[in-house]
Amino acid sequence: MLASLKLLTSLWLLLWLRLDNVPGQAVENKPVTEDCLECLCETMSGCNATEICVNGACGIFRITEGYWVEGGQLTLPNETPLSERAFTNCVNQPLCAANTIQSYMYKHGQDCNGDDHIDCLDFGALHKLGNLKCRGELPYIFAKVFNSCLKGKERQAQNADQTPNQVKIKDQSST
């Protein structure tokens, strides 16, 4: 039963992630793949949307208000960043939350693990530790769940004859 609930939540997330032209939520540069977003969701909350906020971190990605601000203060349609509930409304809605992550990662994307490219492993560290501490050590449970999810995605990609889950964002040497 729990596995089918997680599958439904993942399918729901994918549906929302494919809707790119919703007013107030559009993000042009999206360095984070759908697989990576799914693993962030799975690691942060088990993709369980029933718990709205936990210790100030909200939604299926457990985004904090500071992260939301750094991610561009995205809002739902007909809402402004100044509205009292703009933060919680956005991060509790999967598309707005995913776009907040995309915006944050585009802005702060960096090679956190020193392997000379920016990929989902770096995005996981950025999401959990923040842009100033992403080179630090990830909590054991986070790393275990996140890496397991990514390995599962790699196996699925190999079975489907796809390319690895790796993306390159803005050229760091020109800044």
N, C-alpha and C. Protein backbone atom coordinates (compact mmCIF):
# COMPACT_ATOMS: atom_id res chain seq x y z
N MET A 1 0.82 -1.19 0.00
CA MET A 1 0.00 0.00 0.00
C MET A 1 0.87 1.27 0.00
N LEU A 2 1.91 1.28 0.87
CA LEU A 2 2.80 2.44 0.95
C LEU A 2 3.55 2.63 -0.36
N ALA A 3 3.99 1.51 -0.96
CA ALA A 3 4.71 1.60 -2.24
C ALA A 3 3.82 2.18 -3.33
N SER A 4 2.56 1.78 -3.36
CA SER A 4 1.67 2.32 -4.40
C SER A 4 1.37 3.79 -4.15
N LEU A 5 1.30 4.22 -2.87
CA LEU A 5 1.10 5.63 -2.56
C LEU A 5 2.29 6.46 -3.03
N LYS A 6 3.51 5.95 -2.80
CA LYS A 6 4.72 6.65 -3.26
C LYS A 6 4.75 6.72 -4.78
N LEU A 7 4.33 5.64 -5.45
CA LEU A 7 4.31 5.64 -6.91
C LEU A 7 3.32 6.68 -7.42
N LEU A 8 2.15 6.76 -6.81
CA LEU A 8 1.17 7.75 -7.21
C LEU A 8 1.69 9.16 -6.99
N THR A 9 2.37 9.38 -5.87
CA THR A 9 2.94 10.70 -5.59
C THR A 9 4.00 11.05 -6.62
N SER A 10 4.86 10.08 -6.99
CA SER A 10 5.89 10.32 -8.00
C SER A 10 5.26 10.64 -9.35
N LEU A 11 4.22 9.90 -9.72
CA LEU A 11 3.54 10.18 -10.98
C LEU A 11 2.89 11.56 -10.97
N TRP A 12 2.31 11.92 -9.84
CA TRP A 12 1.71 13.25 -9.68
C TRP A 12 2.76 14.33 -9.83
N LEU A 13 3.93 14.11 -9.20
CA LEU A 13 5.04 15.06 -9.30
C LEU A 13 5.48 15.20 -10.76
N LEU A 14 5.62 14.09 -11.46
CA LEU A 14 6.03 14.15 -12.86
C LEU A 14 5.03 14.93 -13.69
N LEU A 15 3.76 14.72 -13.46
CA LEU A 15 2.73 15.46 -14.18
C LEU A 15 2.90 16.95 -13.96
N TRP A 16 3.09 17.36 -12.71
CA TRP A 16 3.25 18.78 -12.41
C TRP A 16 4.53 19.34 -12.99
N LEU A 17 5.60 18.53 -13.01
CA LEU A 17 6.88 19.02 -13.52
C LEU A 17 6.84 19.25 -15.03
N ARG A 18 5.95 18.59 -15.72
CA ARG A 18 5.85 18.74 -17.16
C ARG A 18 5.02 19.96 -17.57
N LEU A 19 4.35 20.58 -16.63
CA LEU A 19 3.56 21.77 -16.92
C LEU A 19 4.46 23.00 -16.73
N ASP A 20 5.07 23.47 -17.82
CA ASP A 20 6.08 24.53 -17.72
C ASP A 20 5.56 25.94 -17.88
N ASN A 21 4.35 26.13 -18.37
CA ASN A 21 3.91 27.47 -18.71
C ASN A 21 2.83 28.01 -17.79
N VAL A 22 2.94 27.72 -16.51
CA VAL A 22 1.98 28.22 -15.55
C VAL A 22 2.42 29.60 -15.11
N PRO A 23 1.56 30.64 -15.24
CA PRO A 23 1.95 31.99 -14.85
C PRO A 23 2.44 32.04 -13.41
N GLY A 24 3.48 32.83 -13.17
CA GLY A 24 4.01 32.99 -11.82
C GLY A 24 5.00 31.93 -11.42
N GLN A 25 5.14 30.89 -12.25
CA GLN A 25 6.02 29.79 -11.88
C GLN A 25 7.06 29.46 -12.96
N ALA A 26 7.00 30.10 -14.09
CA ALA A 26 7.88 29.75 -15.19
C ALA A 26 9.33 30.04 -14.83
N VAL A 27 10.19 29.07 -15.12
CA VAL A 27 11.62 29.20 -14.91
C VAL A 27 12.28 28.77 -16.21
N GLU A 28 13.12 29.64 -16.77
CA GLU A 28 13.73 29.35 -18.07
C GLU A 28 14.84 28.32 -17.98
N ASN A 29 15.77 28.51 -17.06
CA ASN A 29 16.95 27.64 -16.96
C ASN A 29 16.70 26.55 -15.93
N LYS A 30 16.68 25.31 -16.40
CA LYS A 30 16.38 24.19 -15.52
C LYS A 30 17.52 23.16 -15.56
N PRO A 31 18.52 23.36 -14.71
CA PRO A 31 19.66 22.44 -14.72
C PRO A 31 19.38 21.09 -14.07
N VAL A 32 18.34 20.96 -13.26
CA VAL A 32 18.07 19.74 -12.51
C VAL A 32 17.13 18.84 -13.31
N THR A 33 17.54 17.60 -13.52
CA THR A 33 16.72 16.66 -14.28
C THR A 33 15.52 16.20 -13.45
N GLU A 34 14.52 15.65 -14.13
CA GLU A 34 13.36 15.11 -13.44
C GLU A 34 13.76 13.99 -12.48
N ASP A 35 14.68 13.13 -12.92
CA ASP A 35 15.15 12.05 -12.05
C ASP A 35 15.77 12.60 -10.78
N CYS A 36 16.55 13.64 -10.91
CA CYS A 36 17.19 14.25 -9.75
C CYS A 36 16.15 14.86 -8.82
N LEU A 37 15.16 15.55 -9.39
CA LEU A 37 14.09 16.10 -8.57
C LEU A 37 13.33 15.00 -7.83
N GLU A 38 13.08 13.90 -8.51
CA GLU A 38 12.38 12.79 -7.87
C GLU A 38 13.20 12.24 -6.70
N CYS A 39 14.52 12.15 -6.87
CA CYS A 39 15.37 11.65 -5.79
C CYS A 39 15.44 12.65 -4.63
N LEU A 40 15.45 13.94 -4.93
CA LEU A 40 15.40 14.93 -3.86
C LEU A 40 14.10 14.80 -3.08
N CYS A 41 13.01 14.64 -3.79
CA CYS A 41 11.70 14.48 -3.16
C CYS A 41 11.68 13.23 -2.28
N GLU A 42 12.13 12.13 -2.85
CA GLU A 42 12.14 10.85 -2.12
C GLU A 42 13.01 10.95 -0.87
N THR A 43 14.15 11.59 -0.98
CA THR A 43 15.09 11.70 0.14
C THR A 43 14.60 12.65 1.22
N MET A 44 14.04 13.76 0.81
CA MET A 44 13.64 14.78 1.78
C MET A 44 12.35 14.43 2.52
N SER A 45 11.39 13.81 1.83
CA SER A 45 10.09 13.59 2.47
C SER A 45 9.45 12.25 2.15
N GLY A 46 10.14 11.43 1.36
CA GLY A 46 9.50 10.23 0.88
C GLY A 46 8.40 10.57 -0.12
N CYS A 47 8.47 11.77 -0.68
CA CYS A 47 7.44 12.32 -1.57
C CYS A 47 6.08 12.31 -0.89
N ASN A 48 6.09 12.47 0.41
CA ASN A 48 4.87 12.47 1.20
C ASN A 48 4.42 13.90 1.42
N ALA A 49 3.36 14.27 0.75
CA ALA A 49 2.87 15.65 0.81
C ALA A 49 1.90 15.88 1.97
N THR A 50 1.67 14.86 2.80
CA THR A 50 0.69 15.05 3.87
C THR A 50 1.23 15.91 5.01
N GLU A 51 2.52 15.88 5.27
CA GLU A 51 3.11 16.74 6.29
C GLU A 51 3.48 18.05 5.62
N ILE A 52 2.79 19.11 5.95
CA ILE A 52 2.99 20.38 5.25
C ILE A 52 4.35 21.01 5.58
N CYS A 53 4.67 21.25 6.84
CA CYS A 53 5.95 21.84 7.24
C CYS A 53 6.53 21.07 8.42
N VAL A 54 7.83 20.89 8.41
CA VAL A 54 8.55 20.24 9.50
C VAL A 54 9.72 21.14 9.87
N ASN A 55 9.67 21.73 11.05
CA ASN A 55 10.74 22.62 11.53
C ASN A 55 11.07 23.73 10.53
N GLY A 56 10.05 24.32 9.94
CA GLY A 56 10.25 25.44 9.02
C GLY A 56 10.59 25.05 7.60
N ALA A 57 10.70 23.76 7.33
CA ALA A 57 10.97 23.27 5.98
C ALA A 57 9.68 22.65 5.45
N CYS A 58 9.23 23.12 4.30
CA CYS A 58 7.88 22.79 3.84
C CYS A 58 7.86 22.07 2.50
N GLY A 59 6.78 21.34 2.29
CA GLY A 59 6.51 20.69 1.02
C GLY A 59 7.28 19.40 0.84
N ILE A 60 7.09 18.78 -0.31
CA ILE A 60 7.72 17.49 -0.56
C ILE A 60 9.23 17.58 -0.67
N PHE A 61 9.76 18.78 -0.92
CA PHE A 61 11.21 18.96 -0.98
C PHE A 61 11.78 19.55 0.30
N ARG A 62 10.92 19.86 1.27
CA ARG A 62 11.31 20.46 2.56
C ARG A 62 12.18 21.70 2.33
N ILE A 63 11.58 22.68 1.69
CA ILE A 63 12.25 23.95 1.38
C ILE A 63 12.02 24.95 2.51
N THR A 64 13.08 25.63 2.91
CA THR A 64 12.97 26.66 3.95
C THR A 64 12.67 28.01 3.30
N GLU A 65 12.28 28.97 4.11
CA GLU A 65 11.97 30.30 3.56
C GLU A 65 13.21 30.97 2.99
N GLY A 66 14.36 30.81 3.64
CA GLY A 66 15.60 31.38 3.11
C GLY A 66 15.96 30.81 1.74
N TYR A 67 15.78 29.52 1.58
CA TYR A 67 16.04 28.84 0.30
C TYR A 67 15.09 29.40 -0.76
N TRP A 68 13.81 29.55 -0.39
CA TRP A 68 12.81 30.08 -1.30
C TRP A 68 13.19 31.50 -1.76
N VAL A 69 13.66 32.32 -0.82
CA VAL A 69 14.10 33.68 -1.16
C VAL A 69 15.27 33.61 -2.14
N GLU A 70 16.27 32.78 -1.84
CA GLU A 70 17.43 32.62 -2.73
C GLU A 70 17.02 32.06 -4.09
N GLY A 71 15.95 31.28 -4.12
CA GLY A 71 15.45 30.69 -5.36
C GLY A 71 14.55 31.62 -6.15
N GLY A 72 14.43 32.87 -5.74
CA GLY A 72 13.71 33.86 -6.53
C GLY A 72 12.32 34.22 -6.04
N GLN A 73 11.92 33.72 -4.89
CA GLN A 73 10.60 34.03 -4.31
C GLN A 73 9.47 33.78 -5.31
N LEU A 74 9.48 32.62 -5.94
CA LEU A 74 8.43 32.28 -6.88
C LEU A 74 7.10 32.19 -6.16
N THR A 75 6.03 32.45 -6.89
CA THR A 75 4.70 32.43 -6.28
C THR A 75 3.72 31.67 -7.16
N LEU A 76 2.59 31.36 -6.56
CA LEU A 76 1.49 30.79 -7.32
C LEU A 76 0.84 31.92 -8.12
N PRO A 77 0.08 31.59 -9.18
CA PRO A 77 -0.59 32.63 -9.96
C PRO A 77 -1.45 33.52 -9.05
N ASN A 78 -1.54 34.79 -9.40
CA ASN A 78 -2.35 35.77 -8.66
C ASN A 78 -1.86 36.01 -7.23
N GLU A 79 -0.59 35.78 -6.99
CA GLU A 79 -0.01 36.01 -5.66
C GLU A 79 1.30 36.76 -5.85
N THR A 80 1.69 37.55 -4.86
CA THR A 80 2.97 38.25 -4.92
C THR A 80 3.86 37.72 -3.81
N PRO A 81 5.18 37.88 -3.95
CA PRO A 81 6.10 37.44 -2.90
C PRO A 81 5.83 38.13 -1.56
N LEU A 82 5.15 39.25 -1.59
CA LEU A 82 4.87 39.99 -0.37
C LEU A 82 3.66 39.45 0.39
N SER A 83 2.87 38.60 -0.24
CA SER A 83 1.69 38.08 0.45
C SER A 83 2.13 37.19 1.62
N GLU A 84 1.34 37.18 2.65
CA GLU A 84 1.69 36.50 3.90
C GLU A 84 1.98 35.00 3.71
N ARG A 85 1.27 34.36 2.81
CA ARG A 85 1.42 32.92 2.63
C ARG A 85 2.14 32.54 1.33
N ALA A 86 2.79 33.49 0.68
CA ALA A 86 3.44 33.21 -0.61
C ALA A 86 4.46 32.07 -0.50
N PHE A 87 5.28 32.11 0.53
CA PHE A 87 6.30 31.07 0.71
C PHE A 87 5.65 29.70 0.88
N THR A 88 4.77 29.55 1.87
CA THR A 88 4.19 28.22 2.13
C THR A 88 3.31 27.76 0.98
N ASN A 89 2.60 28.67 0.34
CA ASN A 89 1.77 28.26 -0.79
C ASN A 89 2.62 27.73 -1.94
N CYS A 90 3.74 28.39 -2.23
CA CYS A 90 4.60 27.95 -3.32
C CYS A 90 5.25 26.61 -3.01
N VAL A 91 5.92 26.50 -1.89
CA VAL A 91 6.71 25.29 -1.64
C VAL A 91 5.85 24.07 -1.31
N ASN A 92 4.58 24.28 -1.01
CA ASN A 92 3.68 23.15 -0.82
C ASN A 92 2.97 22.72 -2.11
N GLN A 93 3.25 23.42 -3.19
CA GLN A 93 2.72 23.06 -4.51
C GLN A 93 3.89 22.52 -5.32
N PRO A 94 3.84 21.25 -5.77
CA PRO A 94 5.01 20.61 -6.38
C PRO A 94 5.68 21.37 -7.53
N LEU A 95 4.92 21.95 -8.44
CA LEU A 95 5.54 22.66 -9.56
C LEU A 95 6.28 23.90 -9.10
N CYS A 96 5.66 24.69 -8.26
CA CYS A 96 6.30 25.91 -7.76
C CYS A 96 7.54 25.54 -6.94
N ALA A 97 7.44 24.49 -6.14
CA ALA A 97 8.59 24.03 -5.34
C ALA A 97 9.72 23.54 -6.25
N ALA A 98 9.38 22.75 -7.28
CA ALA A 98 10.40 22.26 -8.21
C ALA A 98 11.06 23.42 -8.95
N ASN A 99 10.28 24.40 -9.35
CA ASN A 99 10.85 25.56 -10.03
C ASN A 99 11.72 26.40 -9.10
N THR A 100 11.37 26.44 -7.82
CA THR A 100 12.22 27.11 -6.83
C THR A 100 13.58 26.42 -6.77
N ILE A 101 13.57 25.09 -6.78
CA ILE A 101 14.83 24.33 -6.79
C ILE A 101 15.61 24.62 -8.06
N GLN A 102 14.93 24.61 -9.21
CA GLN A 102 15.62 24.89 -10.48
C GLN A 102 16.30 26.26 -10.43
N SER A 103 15.58 27.25 -9.95
CA SER A 103 16.11 28.61 -9.88
C SER A 103 17.29 28.69 -8.90
N TYR A 104 17.16 28.06 -7.75
CA TYR A 104 18.22 28.04 -6.74
C TYR A 104 19.48 27.37 -7.31
N MET A 105 19.30 26.23 -7.97
CA MET A 105 20.44 25.48 -8.50
C MET A 105 21.10 26.22 -9.66
N TYR A 106 20.30 26.89 -10.49
CA TYR A 106 20.89 27.67 -11.57
C TYR A 106 21.75 28.80 -11.01
N LYS A 107 21.24 29.43 -9.97
CA LYS A 107 21.94 30.55 -9.35
C LYS A 107 23.19 30.09 -8.59
N HIS A 108 23.10 28.98 -7.87
CA HIS A 108 24.18 28.56 -6.97
C HIS A 108 24.90 27.30 -7.42
N GLY A 109 24.59 26.78 -8.61
CA GLY A 109 25.20 25.53 -9.07
C GLY A 109 26.72 25.58 -9.00
N GLN A 110 27.29 24.56 -8.39
CA GLN A 110 28.74 24.48 -8.25
C GLN A 110 29.14 23.03 -8.04
N ASP A 111 30.41 22.76 -8.25
CA ASP A 111 30.95 21.41 -8.08
C ASP A 111 31.25 21.19 -6.60
N CYS A 112 30.29 20.66 -5.89
CA CYS A 112 30.43 20.48 -4.44
C CYS A 112 31.32 19.31 -4.06
N ASN A 113 31.39 18.30 -4.91
CA ASN A 113 32.16 17.10 -4.55
C ASN A 113 33.52 17.02 -5.24
N GLY A 114 33.91 18.05 -5.99
CA GLY A 114 35.25 18.13 -6.56
C GLY A 114 35.53 17.17 -7.70
N ASP A 115 34.50 16.72 -8.42
CA ASP A 115 34.74 15.79 -9.52
C ASP A 115 34.76 16.48 -10.89
N ASP A 116 34.87 17.79 -10.90
CA ASP A 116 35.01 18.60 -12.12
C ASP A 116 33.78 18.68 -13.01
N HIS A 117 32.62 18.33 -12.51
CA HIS A 117 31.38 18.60 -13.23
C HIS A 117 30.24 18.75 -12.24
N ILE A 118 29.22 19.44 -12.69
CA ILE A 118 28.06 19.72 -11.84
C ILE A 118 26.94 18.78 -12.24
N ASP A 119 26.51 17.95 -11.29
CA ASP A 119 25.46 16.99 -11.58
C ASP A 119 24.54 16.83 -10.37
N CYS A 120 23.73 15.82 -10.39
CA CYS A 120 22.73 15.63 -9.34
C CYS A 120 23.36 15.44 -7.96
N LEU A 121 24.53 14.84 -7.90
CA LEU A 121 25.20 14.68 -6.60
C LEU A 121 25.47 16.07 -5.99
N ASP A 122 25.88 17.00 -6.82
CA ASP A 122 26.12 18.36 -6.37
C ASP A 122 24.81 19.05 -5.97
N PHE A 123 23.77 18.82 -6.76
CA PHE A 123 22.47 19.42 -6.44
C PHE A 123 21.92 18.89 -5.12
N GLY A 124 22.16 17.61 -4.85
CA GLY A 124 21.74 17.05 -3.56
C GLY A 124 22.46 17.72 -2.40
N ALA A 125 23.77 17.91 -2.55
CA ALA A 125 24.55 18.57 -1.50
C ALA A 125 24.11 20.03 -1.33
N LEU A 126 23.87 20.71 -2.44
CA LEU A 126 23.41 22.10 -2.39
C LEU A 126 22.05 22.19 -1.71
N HIS A 127 21.17 21.27 -2.04
CA HIS A 127 19.82 21.30 -1.47
C HIS A 127 19.87 21.05 0.03
N LYS A 128 20.65 20.08 0.46
CA LYS A 128 20.67 19.72 1.88
C LYS A 128 21.54 20.66 2.72
N LEU A 129 22.69 21.07 2.19
CA LEU A 129 23.66 21.83 2.99
C LEU A 129 23.68 23.33 2.68
N GLY A 130 23.13 23.73 1.52
CA GLY A 130 23.17 25.13 1.14
C GLY A 130 24.40 25.46 0.31
N ASN A 131 24.35 26.59 -0.37
CA ASN A 131 25.42 26.93 -1.31
C ASN A 131 26.75 27.25 -0.63
N LEU A 132 26.74 27.69 0.61
CA LEU A 132 28.01 28.03 1.27
C LEU A 132 28.66 26.83 1.97
N LYS A 133 27.91 25.76 2.18
CA LYS A 133 28.43 24.60 2.92
C LYS A 133 28.34 23.30 2.13
N CYS A 134 28.09 23.38 0.82
CA CYS A 134 27.82 22.17 0.05
C CYS A 134 29.01 21.23 -0.05
N ARG A 135 30.20 21.71 0.28
CA ARG A 135 31.38 20.83 0.24
C ARG A 135 31.54 20.03 1.53
N GLY A 136 30.65 20.28 2.48
CA GLY A 136 30.68 19.55 3.75
C GLY A 136 30.15 18.14 3.61
N GLU A 137 30.17 17.43 4.71
CA GLU A 137 29.72 16.04 4.71
C GLU A 137 28.20 15.98 4.86
N LEU A 138 27.59 15.20 3.99
CA LEU A 138 26.14 15.02 4.04
C LEU A 138 25.78 14.10 5.22
N PRO A 139 24.64 14.33 5.85
CA PRO A 139 24.19 13.40 6.89
C PRO A 139 24.07 11.99 6.30
N TYR A 140 24.42 11.00 7.10
CA TYR A 140 24.49 9.62 6.63
C TYR A 140 23.19 9.15 5.99
N ILE A 141 22.07 9.33 6.67
CA ILE A 141 20.79 8.85 6.16
C ILE A 141 20.44 9.54 4.85
N PHE A 142 20.63 10.85 4.77
CA PHE A 142 20.36 11.58 3.52
C PHE A 142 21.19 10.97 2.40
N ALA A 143 22.50 10.84 2.61
CA ALA A 143 23.40 10.32 1.58
C ALA A 143 23.00 8.91 1.16
N LYS A 144 22.64 8.08 2.11
CA LYS A 144 22.28 6.69 1.81
C LYS A 144 21.03 6.63 0.94
N VAL A 145 19.98 7.34 1.33
CA VAL A 145 18.72 7.33 0.58
C VAL A 145 18.91 7.98 -0.79
N PHE A 146 19.58 9.12 -0.83
CA PHE A 146 19.78 9.85 -2.07
C PHE A 146 20.59 9.03 -3.07
N ASN A 147 21.71 8.48 -2.63
CA ASN A 147 22.56 7.68 -3.52
C ASN A 147 21.85 6.42 -3.99
N SER A 148 21.08 5.80 -3.13
CA SER A 148 20.30 4.62 -3.52
C SER A 148 19.29 4.97 -4.60
N CYS A 149 18.61 6.08 -4.44
CA CYS A 149 17.64 6.54 -5.44
C CYS A 149 18.34 6.80 -6.77
N LEU A 150 19.47 7.50 -6.73
CA LEU A 150 20.19 7.81 -7.97
C LEU A 150 20.68 6.54 -8.67
N LYS A 151 21.14 5.56 -7.90
CA LYS A 151 21.58 4.29 -8.49
C LYS A 151 20.41 3.58 -9.15
N GLY A 152 19.25 3.63 -8.51
CA GLY A 152 18.05 3.04 -9.11
C GLY A 152 17.69 3.72 -10.42
N LYS A 153 17.81 5.04 -10.46
CA LYS A 153 17.54 5.80 -11.69
C LYS A 153 18.55 5.44 -12.78
N GLU A 154 19.83 5.27 -12.40
CA GLU A 154 20.86 4.88 -13.37
C GLU A 154 20.55 3.51 -13.96
N ARG A 155 20.13 2.57 -13.11
CA ARG A 155 19.79 1.23 -13.61
C ARG A 155 18.61 1.32 -14.58
N GLN A 156 17.61 2.13 -14.24
CA GLN A 156 16.46 2.30 -15.14
C GLN A 156 16.91 2.90 -16.46
N ALA A 157 17.80 3.89 -16.40
CA ALA A 157 18.29 4.54 -17.62
C ALA A 157 19.08 3.56 -18.48
N GLN A 158 19.92 2.74 -17.86
CA GLN A 158 20.70 1.76 -18.61
C GLN A 158 19.79 0.72 -19.25
N ASN A 159 18.77 0.32 -18.52
CA ASN A 159 17.83 -0.65 -19.07
C ASN A 159 17.03 -0.07 -20.22
N ALA A 160 16.83 1.24 -20.20
CA ALA A 160 16.07 1.90 -21.27
C ALA A 160 16.99 2.48 -22.34
N ASP A 161 18.30 2.17 -22.23
CA ASP A 161 19.29 2.66 -23.19
C ASP A 161 19.37 4.17 -23.24
N GLN A 162 19.31 4.83 -22.09
CA GLN A 162 19.39 6.28 -22.02
C GLN A 162 20.79 6.69 -21.58
N THR A 163 21.05 7.99 -21.66
CA THR A 163 22.33 8.53 -21.23
C THR A 163 22.32 8.76 -19.72
N PRO A 164 23.48 8.85 -19.08
CA PRO A 164 23.55 9.07 -17.63
C PRO A 164 22.86 10.37 -17.21
N ASN A 165 22.45 10.41 -15.97
CA ASN A 165 21.72 11.55 -15.40
C ASN A 165 22.72 12.63 -14.99
N GLN A 166 23.22 13.36 -16.00
CA GLN A 166 24.23 14.36 -15.73
C GLN A 166 23.94 15.58 -16.59
N VAL A 167 24.06 16.76 -16.00
CA VAL A 167 23.82 17.99 -16.76
C VAL A 167 24.94 18.96 -16.49
N LYS A 168 25.13 19.87 -17.41
CA LYS A 168 26.12 20.93 -17.22
C LYS A 168 25.38 22.25 -17.23
N ILE A 169 25.69 23.10 -16.27
CA ILE A 169 25.07 24.42 -16.27
C ILE A 169 26.12 25.46 -16.57
N LYS A 170 25.77 26.69 -16.38
CA LYS A 170 26.58 27.84 -16.77
C LYS A 170 28.09 27.59 -16.61
N ASP A 171 28.84 28.15 -17.52
CA ASP A 171 30.29 28.02 -17.51
C ASP A 171 30.86 28.82 -16.35
N GLN A 172 31.45 28.12 -15.40
CA GLN A 172 31.98 28.78 -14.19
C GLN A 172 33.24 29.59 -14.49
N SER A 173 33.98 29.23 -15.55
CA SER A 173 35.25 29.92 -15.80
C SER A 173 35.07 31.31 -16.36
N SER A 174 33.90 31.63 -16.91
CA SER A 174 33.71 32.95 -17.50
C SER A 174 33.19 33.98 -16.52
N THR A 175 32.94 33.55 -15.27
CA THR A 175 32.44 34.50 -14.28
C THR A 175 33.51 35.01 -13.37
